[in-house]
Amino acid sequence: MGRARQVAEGMRTVLRIRSALKAGLAAQLLLVAAAPPSAAAGALPGQPLVQAPRVCATGIVAINRRCRVIDFTEIGVIDHRVWYYAFYATHWADRHGRMDRGFPVIFYLQRPATLRLGLWVNDAPGLADKWATTPPPRPVLIRRPDATYLGLSLKAVKGPDDQRLFKLDKTHWRYVEVLHLADAEQAKVDAVIPRDCQATNDAVYDWATLRLRTPLIDRDGGKPCGAVISEVDPRVKGLFVVASALVPAAAPLTPQVRAPNSPSR
């Protein structure tokens, strides 16, 4: 009888353990089933909105880098979706050296309170050294009748600012070529440059007014001889030059730009 009781007690113990394991597995399956779709594999990197002003989102910056949030702000509402901007400063070092890089990041709000990645600018090498920890000017939303654009002006360690333009495509931002104008558009700018002047490589976009300022220098002495101010219109494949005007060196750089060949007032 003693042996039989031991065997029976052992069987009851096994059954209790098996029952507990089944209950635990069922609870885990229930949690997975109850998880929101954003928790599924392959979801975009994101984080709770409440953490965003002070904690870098996981899944964006490499885990072997230290990351700090240098700037964070709401930039606007588009089609009932709220968009946010963050600037991350990262640091990496080992026995071979160190690297400091800055990254602009654009999020949209997935309600009720989760931020999802919409754009991550990770190919701006100029955002290094002091510009890795100094936030650039905040992005400019450009609302047009046909689409919404985002203009960025990123500081660079050397050379002119790195300027980018993106077009909103649902929850992502698509790059628009602005570094080089198409030949037909560049010709509209060149048409108003005096023969004794030439354009420099320091052209700068003002995203708020959608104007391109192209400084000019004298061909002989290299002295400033004004600038060309061009109104531009973003398109899918680049920028369309609406109008250009010459501004002499001594004049203010806010002229009334008129279309080429239009009569003067």
Foldseek 3Di string as FASTA:
>chain_A
DVVVVVVVVVVVVVVVVVVVVVVVVVVVVVVVVPDDPCVDPPHFFKDFQVCVQFDDTPPPDDPQKDKTWQDKDWQDADPNKTKMKTKIWIKHDDPVGIWIFIKIWMWIADPPTMTGGADIPPPQVQCTDVNSNDDAPDWHWDDDPVFIKIWDFGHGPDDHTDIWMWTDDPRYTHTEDEQDDDPVQVVQQVVADDPQKDWDSHWDADRVQQKIWTWIAGPPPRHTFFIKIFRWDADRHHIHTQFIHTDGPPGDPPDDTDHPPDDDD
